Amino acid sequence: MSATDHSRAAGVLLLCRAEPDRVRPSAQLLNEPLLLAPAGEGWSALIPGEDSWRSEDTDPAAAAAGWAHALAVAETWPVVGLWWDAGDAGFVVAAGFRRTVGYTWAADGTPIGEESAMASLRARVGLDPVLDGAALDELTRPDSDADAAARVLGLIAVLSRTGLTLPSGLAPGVSAARLRAAAAPVAEAVDWPGWREAVRSGLDAAERGFFGTWTRGPRARALGATEVVAGLSLACWARRSGRRGWATAGGVLALDGALTLAYDWWRERV
């Protein structure tokens, strides 16, 4: 790809450390035009359309952070969001209720992020602290031969040690349209299924989700109520602040709490 192509392309790639069947219910709740593809052993890739962030004048870095957080907030598996645009490239990593962190490289590959983000990535994804940690450290050091896209490719190479294998054509520097075209042969469209199917999927996932055995009884009811209150409060604050990603995360959190309460109510009656 030429330098001109790199300068024009912008894209987001969401890598979830879980099989597609586990990712699908959470992805549906985002209500975005997403493609879901298997990405190796224990990994899935979500490819959003460019309009998902362009329509609201959101840059891909912010979009990746918002989606990654919303996907991971109530799950046991982490999400690594890769992004790139006309200038920079980088990643974010989200896991549960922990703070979503990220790292950025300038167009020429100059590191401009905090090394603590690499430590968070290593811990949350489950990388080897010695071998993989050394490889990640290399990505934080100056390298005149590596531009931003090469840095992200280096990160993908490190993640591949855990089983990640991206479908052909999914690479940094490629436009959102070309990402989706490349993924199309092996991907499925993830559409909002409607509230009835969303509730059914949520109930199926509840017993194996983030809260494990906290799906029935007094603990489940207390936890579900807390999630609903916290999620609605976060969504209201985010909407007033114009933070779309956090509004989505609040909605997902509130819905997860509602599903926990619904599941407990239903199980008490069957």
Protein backbone atom coordinates (compact mmCIF):
# COMPACT_ATOMS: atom_id res chain seq x y z
CA MET A 1 0.00 0.00 0.00
CA SER A 2 1.32 3.43 -0.87
CA ALA A 3 1.88 6.27 1.55
CA THR A 4 -1.00 8.10 -0.10
CA ASP A 5 -3.37 5.21 0.65
CA HIS A 6 -2.26 5.16 4.28
CA SER A 7 -2.90 8.87 4.67
CA ARG A 8 -6.48 8.56 3.46
CA ALA A 9 -7.50 5.41 5.31
CA ALA A 10 -9.15 5.28 8.70
CA GLY A 11 -10.46 2.22 10.43
CA VAL A 12 -11.32 0.40 13.64
CA LEU A 13 -10.87 -3.28 14.39
CA LEU A 14 -12.19 -4.75 17.65
CA LEU A 15 -10.48 -7.95 18.79
CA CYS A 16 -12.35 -9.94 21.43
CA ARG A 17 -10.66 -12.79 23.27
CA ALA A 18 -13.67 -15.08 23.00
CA GLU A 19 -15.36 -17.26 20.41
CA PRO A 20 -17.97 -15.61 18.12
CA ASP A 21 -20.90 -17.32 19.89
CA ARG A 22 -19.88 -15.64 23.16
CA VAL A 23 -19.26 -12.25 21.53
CA ARG A 24 -22.44 -12.07 19.49
CA PRO A 25 -24.93 -11.16 22.30
CA SER A 26 -22.77 -8.27 23.56
CA ALA A 27 -22.11 -7.07 20.01
CA GLN A 28 -25.84 -7.05 19.24
CA LEU A 29 -26.48 -4.74 22.17
CA LEU A 30 -24.27 -2.06 20.57
CA ASN A 31 -26.88 -1.73 17.81
CA GLU A 32 -24.18 -0.79 15.27
CA PRO A 33 -23.52 -2.10 11.73
CA LEU A 34 -20.90 -4.69 12.73
CA LEU A 35 -19.40 -7.70 11.02
CA LEU A 36 -18.34 -10.58 13.28
CA ALA A 37 -15.61 -12.97 12.15
CA PRO A 38 -13.63 -15.77 13.80
CA ALA A 39 -10.03 -14.69 14.32
CA GLY A 40 -8.13 -17.76 15.41
CA GLU A 41 -8.32 -19.96 18.48
CA GLY A 42 -10.30 -18.18 21.17
CA TRP A 43 -10.51 -14.87 19.31
CA SER A 44 -13.15 -12.97 17.32
CA ALA A 45 -12.96 -9.77 15.28
CA LEU A 46 -15.65 -7.10 14.99
CA ILE A 47 -15.48 -4.69 12.05
CA PRO A 48 -17.69 -1.57 12.30
CA GLY A 49 -18.69 0.58 9.35
CA GLU A 50 -17.09 3.98 8.87
CA ASP A 51 -20.45 5.71 9.21
CA SER A 52 -20.58 4.50 12.82
CA TRP A 53 -18.17 7.22 13.86
CA ARG A 54 -18.16 9.63 10.91
CA SER A 55 -21.87 10.41 11.25
CA GLU A 56 -21.32 11.95 14.67
CA ASP A 57 -17.89 13.41 13.93
CA THR A 58 -16.19 11.00 16.32
CA ASP A 59 -12.59 10.06 15.66
CA PRO A 60 -11.74 6.33 15.41
CA ALA A 61 -9.69 6.38 18.64
CA ALA A 62 -12.68 7.55 20.69
CA ALA A 63 -14.99 5.15 18.86
CA ALA A 64 -12.68 2.20 19.56
CA ALA A 65 -12.48 3.11 23.26
CA GLY A 66 -16.25 3.45 23.64
CA TRP A 67 -17.08 0.21 21.84
CA ALA A 68 -14.34 -1.79 23.58
CA HIS A 69 -15.53 -0.63 27.00
CA ALA A 70 -19.18 -1.36 26.18
CA LEU A 71 -18.35 -4.86 24.93
CA ALA A 72 -16.18 -5.83 27.89
CA VAL A 73 -17.92 -4.17 30.83
CA ALA A 74 -20.04 -7.20 31.77
CA GLU A 75 -17.90 -9.99 30.32
CA THR A 76 -15.02 -12.18 31.43
CA TRP A 77 -13.04 -11.67 28.21
CA PRO A 78 -11.02 -8.56 27.27
CA VAL A 79 -11.31 -6.47 24.12
CA VAL A 80 -8.41 -4.91 22.23
CA GLY A 81 -9.50 -2.09 19.92
CA LEU A 82 -7.09 -1.21 17.10
CA TRP A 83 -7.56 2.11 15.30
CA TRP A 84 -5.81 4.27 12.72
CA ASP A 85 -6.53 7.44 10.77
CA ALA A 86 -4.80 9.96 8.53
CA GLY A 87 -2.29 10.83 11.23
CA ASP A 88 -1.87 8.39 14.07
CA ALA A 89 -2.62 4.79 15.05
CA GLY A 90 -2.96 2.97 18.34
CA PHE A 91 -4.86 0.57 20.50
CA VAL A 92 -7.15 0.48 23.53
CA VAL A 93 -7.72 -2.43 25.89
CA ALA A 94 -10.84 -2.94 27.99
CA ALA A 95 -11.69 -5.61 30.56
CA GLY A 96 -14.66 -5.65 32.90
CA PHE A 97 -15.08 -2.58 35.08
CA ARG A 98 -11.42 -1.63 34.91
CA ARG A 99 -10.45 1.64 33.28
CA THR A 100 -10.04 1.41 29.53
CA VAL A 101 -6.48 2.37 28.62
CA GLY A 102 -4.80 3.07 25.31
CA TYR A 103 -1.56 3.81 23.48
CA THR A 104 -0.84 5.94 20.41
CA TRP A 105 1.87 6.12 17.76
CA ALA A 106 2.36 9.14 15.54
CA ALA A 107 2.22 8.66 11.78
CA ASP A 108 6.00 8.14 11.61
CA GLY A 109 5.85 5.54 14.38
CA THR A 110 6.99 7.78 17.23
CA PRO A 111 5.59 6.43 20.54
CA ILE A 112 3.47 9.03 22.31
CA GLY A 113 1.66 6.83 24.82
CA GLU A 114 2.24 5.72 28.38
CA GLU A 115 4.15 2.50 28.96
CA SER A 116 1.64 1.56 31.67
CA ALA A 117 -0.84 0.87 28.87
CA MET A 118 1.44 -1.90 27.62
CA ALA A 119 1.53 -3.43 31.10
CA SER A 120 -2.28 -3.32 31.22
CA LEU A 121 -2.50 -4.96 27.81
CA ARG A 122 -0.14 -7.72 28.86
CA ALA A 123 -2.04 -8.44 32.07
CA ARG A 124 -5.55 -8.24 30.69
CA VAL A 125 -4.94 -10.35 27.60
CA GLY A 126 -2.79 -12.87 29.47
CA LEU A 127 0.48 -12.41 27.62
CA ASP A 128 3.75 -13.84 28.88
CA PRO A 129 5.30 -11.22 31.18
CA VAL A 130 8.84 -11.98 30.00
CA LEU A 131 8.86 -12.93 26.32
CA ASP A 132 5.75 -11.04 25.25
CA GLY A 133 6.59 -8.19 27.62
CA ALA A 134 9.93 -7.72 25.88
CA ALA A 135 8.22 -7.63 22.48
CA LEU A 136 5.76 -5.01 23.70
CA ASP A 137 8.60 -2.93 25.12
CA GLU A 138 10.13 -2.79 21.64
CA LEU A 139 6.98 -1.08 20.40
CA THR A 140 7.52 1.76 22.89
CA ARG A 141 11.07 2.55 21.69
CA PRO A 142 12.06 4.82 18.78
CA ASP A 143 12.42 3.03 15.43
CA SER A 144 13.02 5.08 12.30
CA ASP A 145 12.03 2.14 10.08
CA ALA A 146 8.57 1.60 11.59
CA ASP A 147 5.61 3.87 10.87
CA ALA A 148 2.31 3.78 12.78
CA ALA A 149 0.85 0.97 10.68
CA ALA A 150 3.98 -1.13 11.24
CA ARG A 151 3.69 -0.60 14.98
CA VAL A 152 0.13 -1.92 14.98
CA LEU A 153 1.24 -4.88 12.86
CA GLY A 154 3.89 -5.54 15.50
CA LEU A 155 1.21 -5.53 18.18
CA ILE A 156 -0.88 -8.00 16.16
CA ALA A 157 2.18 -10.24 15.88
CA VAL A 158 2.50 -10.29 19.67
CA LEU A 159 -1.21 -11.09 20.10
CA SER A 160 -0.87 -13.90 17.56
CA ARG A 161 1.17 -15.79 20.17
CA THR A 162 -2.09 -16.31 22.07
CA GLY A 163 -3.87 -17.80 19.05
CA LEU A 164 -5.04 -14.66 17.21
CA THR A 165 -5.17 -15.19 13.44
CA LEU A 166 -6.80 -12.38 11.49
CA PRO A 167 -8.66 -13.11 8.25
CA SER A 168 -6.74 -12.09 5.14
CA GLY A 169 -6.99 -8.38 4.38
CA LEU A 170 -7.65 -7.20 7.93
CA ALA A 171 -4.67 -4.94 8.53
CA PRO A 172 -3.94 -1.41 9.78
CA GLY A 173 -3.91 1.31 7.16
CA VAL A 174 -6.87 -0.20 5.32
CA SER A 175 -10.08 1.84 5.07
CA ALA A 176 -13.21 0.74 6.92
CA ALA A 177 -14.87 -0.19 3.61
CA ARG A 178 -11.94 -2.38 2.59
CA LEU A 179 -11.83 -4.02 6.01
CA ARG A 180 -15.46 -5.01 5.71
CA ALA A 181 -15.00 -6.25 2.15
CA ALA A 182 -12.04 -8.38 3.22
CA ALA A 183 -13.94 -9.86 6.15
CA ALA A 184 -17.17 -10.50 4.23
CA PRO A 185 -16.36 -14.07 3.05
CA VAL A 186 -15.94 -15.35 6.62
CA ALA A 187 -18.03 -12.86 8.61
CA GLU A 188 -21.64 -12.52 9.64
CA ALA A 189 -23.62 -9.34 10.07
CA VAL A 190 -24.48 -8.57 13.69
CA ASP A 191 -27.85 -6.90 13.84
CA TRP A 192 -30.03 -5.75 16.72
CA PRO A 193 -32.36 -8.76 17.22
CA GLY A 194 -35.13 -6.95 19.07
CA TRP A 195 -35.77 -6.90 22.78
CA ARG A 196 -37.24 -10.41 23.02
CA GLU A 197 -34.21 -12.09 21.45
CA ALA A 198 -31.83 -9.81 23.35
CA VAL A 199 -33.40 -10.89 26.65
CA ARG A 200 -33.21 -14.55 25.64
CA SER A 201 -29.54 -14.22 24.68
CA GLY A 202 -28.78 -12.34 27.87
CA LEU A 203 -30.40 -15.04 30.01
CA ASP A 204 -28.44 -17.75 28.21
CA ALA A 205 -25.20 -15.85 28.85
CA ALA A 206 -25.97 -14.85 32.43
CA GLU A 207 -24.95 -18.12 34.06
CA ARG A 208 -21.52 -18.13 32.38
CA GLY A 209 -20.91 -14.37 32.39
CA PHE A 210 -18.85 -12.00 34.51
CA PHE A 211 -20.69 -12.72 37.76
CA GLY A 212 -20.40 -16.50 37.60
CA THR A 213 -22.59 -17.95 40.35
CA TRP A 214 -24.04 -14.53 41.19
CA THR A 215 -27.03 -15.11 38.92
CA ARG A 216 -29.71 -16.16 41.43
CA GLY A 217 -30.81 -15.24 44.93
CA PRO A 218 -30.25 -12.17 47.11
CA ARG A 219 -26.75 -11.47 45.77
CA ALA A 220 -28.00 -11.52 42.19
CA ARG A 221 -30.89 -9.18 42.99
CA ALA A 222 -28.64 -6.73 44.81
CA LEU A 223 -26.08 -6.82 42.03
CA GLY A 224 -28.69 -6.44 39.30
CA ALA A 225 -30.28 -3.45 41.00
CA THR A 226 -26.88 -1.81 41.45
CA GLU A 227 -26.08 -2.30 37.75
CA VAL A 228 -29.39 -0.79 36.68
CA VAL A 229 -28.93 2.31 38.85
CA ALA A 230 -25.28 2.76 37.90
CA GLY A 231 -25.94 2.14 34.21
CA LEU A 232 -28.81 4.59 33.97
CA SER A 233 -26.83 7.23 35.87
CA LEU A 234 -23.85 6.76 33.55
CA ALA A 235 -26.04 6.90 30.44
CA CYS A 236 -27.77 10.09 31.57
CA TRP A 237 -24.46 11.78 32.39
CA ALA A 238 -22.93 10.68 29.09
CA ARG A 239 -25.84 11.96 27.03
CA ARG A 240 -25.65 15.37 28.70
CA SER A 241 -21.89 15.42 28.08
CA GLY A 242 -22.18 14.26 24.48
CA ARG A 243 -20.08 11.13 25.15
CA ARG A 244 -21.66 8.54 22.91
CA GLY A 245 -19.38 5.64 23.86
CA TRP A 246 -20.04 6.04 27.57
CA ALA A 247 -23.78 6.36 26.93
CA THR A 248 -23.65 3.00 25.15
CA ALA A 249 -21.68 1.50 28.03
CA GLY A 250 -24.27 2.79 30.51
CA GLY A 251 -27.09 1.30 28.50
CA VAL A 252 -25.32 -2.06 28.29
CA LEU A 253 -24.66 -2.03 32.04
CA ALA A 254 -28.27 -1.18 32.86
CA LEU A 255 -29.56 -3.85 30.49
CA ASP A 256 -27.24 -6.44 31.99
CA GLY A 257 -28.59 -5.59 35.45
CA ALA A 258 -32.15 -5.81 34.20
CA LEU A 259 -31.43 -9.21 32.67
CA THR A 260 -29.93 -10.41 35.94
CA LEU A 261 -33.08 -9.37 37.80
CA ALA A 262 -35.31 -10.91 35.13
CA TYR A 263 -33.39 -14.17 35.23
CA ASP A 264 -33.64 -14.42 39.00
CA TRP A 265 -37.39 -13.67 38.85
CA TRP A 266 -37.94 -16.25 36.13
CA ARG A 267 -35.91 -19.00 37.83
CA GLU A 268 -37.88 -18.52 41.04
CA ARG A 269 -41.03 -19.42 39.10
CA VAL A 270 -39.88 -22.42 37.08
